[in-house]
Structure formats: C-alpha cells, structure tokens
C-alpha cells in the first residue's frame, strides 16, 4: 500500500473529531516512515494536521517557526548554578 499518498491526501472529515483525525494520521505515518526519528515523524504529522484540519480556530505556528524553535532549544544554554557559601546562596554563570 502507498501510505505516503494516503497520508498526504488525508483531510479531516466533516464531523470527525480531532483525536480521530490525528490517530489516523499517526497510523499512516508510522507505517510509511517507520524508520524515521520521533521528531521527524512529529514534523510530518504537524504539517499534515495543519493542511488537513477543518478547524478554523486552530493556532499552530508555521513549520519555519517550529524549525527556529528546535534550533534555539538545541543550542547550548547558559545556566545558573547555585553554590552554598556559609549558608548564603551565590549565583555563578556556568
């Protein structure tokens, strides 16, 4: 079966709940891209949910924003380390 075509053509039916729609997309995606990482699978799901959703009030950021967010969260971050010095807390940049 060509799960990719089914996945890309899948749209939410009139009266179909979002959970049911997403469950069906997950089923198709997991069969077509069974060797993809979970994050890659989630990207594909998000794109198709946005494309195929009938919901008018769905607030989902575009994929470009998602990619920027992923890049930002993957970058090393400064963290604050709390060191106890004679019962006083002193903050140091790590």
Protein backbone atom coordinates (compact mmCIF):
# COMPACT_ATOMS: atom_id res chain seq x y z
CA UNK A 1 0.00 0.00 0.00
CA UNK A 2 1.10 3.54 -0.64
CA UNK A 3 0.74 5.03 2.83
CA UNK A 4 2.50 8.25 1.81
CA UNK A 5 -0.19 9.11 -0.75
CA UNK A 6 -2.92 8.29 1.75
CA UNK A 7 -1.20 10.38 4.42
CA UNK A 8 -0.72 13.40 2.15
CA UNK A 9 -4.29 13.20 0.83
CA UNK A 10 -5.87 12.72 4.26
CA UNK A 11 -8.12 15.54 5.41
CA UNK A 12 -10.40 15.74 8.42
CA UNK A 13 -13.91 14.59 7.52
CA UNK A 14 -16.99 16.67 8.33
CA UNK A 15 -17.97 15.81 11.88
CA UNK A 16 -14.73 13.93 12.59
CA UNK A 17 -13.11 14.78 15.89
CA UNK A 18 -9.53 16.00 16.04
CA UNK A 19 -8.40 12.97 18.08
CA UNK A 20 -9.75 10.58 15.48
CA UNK A 21 -8.12 12.56 12.67
CA UNK A 22 -4.73 12.67 14.40
CA UNK A 23 -4.93 8.98 15.32
CA UNK A 24 -5.49 8.09 11.65
CA UNK A 25 -2.60 10.31 10.55
CA UNK A 26 -0.33 8.68 13.15
CA UNK A 27 -1.30 5.23 11.89
CA UNK A 28 -0.48 6.12 8.28
CA UNK A 29 2.73 7.96 9.18
CA UNK A 30 4.05 5.16 11.39
CA UNK A 31 3.64 2.70 8.53
CA UNK A 32 5.21 4.90 5.86
CA UNK A 33 8.07 6.34 7.91
CA UNK A 34 8.68 3.56 10.43
CA UNK A 35 12.45 4.21 10.47
CA UNK A 36 12.25 7.98 10.98
CA UNK A 37 13.09 9.57 14.31
CA UNK A 38 10.16 10.60 16.52
CA UNK A 39 10.93 14.29 15.91
CA UNK A 40 10.87 13.83 12.12
CA UNK A 41 7.59 11.95 12.40
CA UNK A 42 6.11 14.72 14.56
CA UNK A 43 7.10 17.36 11.98
CA UNK A 44 5.32 15.44 9.23
CA UNK A 45 2.27 14.96 11.43
CA UNK A 46 2.12 18.64 12.34
CA UNK A 47 2.34 19.69 8.70
CA UNK A 48 -0.49 17.36 7.68
CA UNK A 49 -2.64 18.29 10.67
CA UNK A 50 -2.39 21.94 9.63
CA UNK A 51 -3.06 21.09 5.97
CA UNK A 52 -5.91 18.69 6.57
CA UNK A 53 -7.67 20.18 9.57
CA UNK A 54 -11.17 21.60 9.23
CA UNK A 55 -10.79 23.56 12.46
CA UNK A 56 -10.98 27.32 11.93
CA UNK A 57 -9.59 28.19 15.33
CA UNK A 58 -6.52 26.02 15.25
CA UNK A 59 -3.49 28.00 16.39
CA UNK A 60 -0.38 26.27 15.05
CA UNK A 61 2.86 28.01 14.19
CA UNK A 62 4.22 27.54 10.69
CA UNK A 63 6.87 24.88 10.21
CA UNK A 64 9.55 27.55 9.77
CA UNK A 65 8.84 28.81 13.29
CA UNK A 66 8.98 25.25 14.59
CA UNK A 67 12.38 24.75 12.97
CA UNK A 68 13.67 28.01 14.51
CA UNK A 69 12.41 26.89 17.91
CA UNK A 70 14.09 23.50 17.57
CA UNK A 71 17.38 25.14 16.57
CA UNK A 72 17.20 27.52 19.51
CA UNK A 73 16.46 24.79 22.03
CA UNK A 74 19.23 22.57 20.66
CA UNK A 75 21.87 25.30 21.12
CA UNK A 76 23.89 25.22 24.33
CA UNK A 77 22.39 27.40 27.01
CA UNK A 78 23.90 29.28 29.90
CA UNK A 79 22.64 28.05 33.20
CA UNK A 80 22.74 29.43 36.68
CA UNK A 81 24.47 27.26 39.25
CA UNK A 82 23.67 27.89 42.89
CA UNK A 83 26.61 27.41 45.24
CA UNK A 84 26.18 27.36 49.00
CA UNK A 85 28.82 29.51 50.72
CA UNK A 86 28.42 29.70 54.51
CA UNK A 87 24.63 29.39 54.32
CA UNK A 88 24.38 32.09 51.64
CA UNK A 89 23.43 31.28 48.09
CA UNK A 90 25.68 32.80 45.47
CA UNK A 91 24.81 32.58 41.78
CA UNK A 92 27.53 31.84 39.22
CA UNK A 93 27.30 31.58 35.46
CA UNK A 94 28.35 28.10 34.38
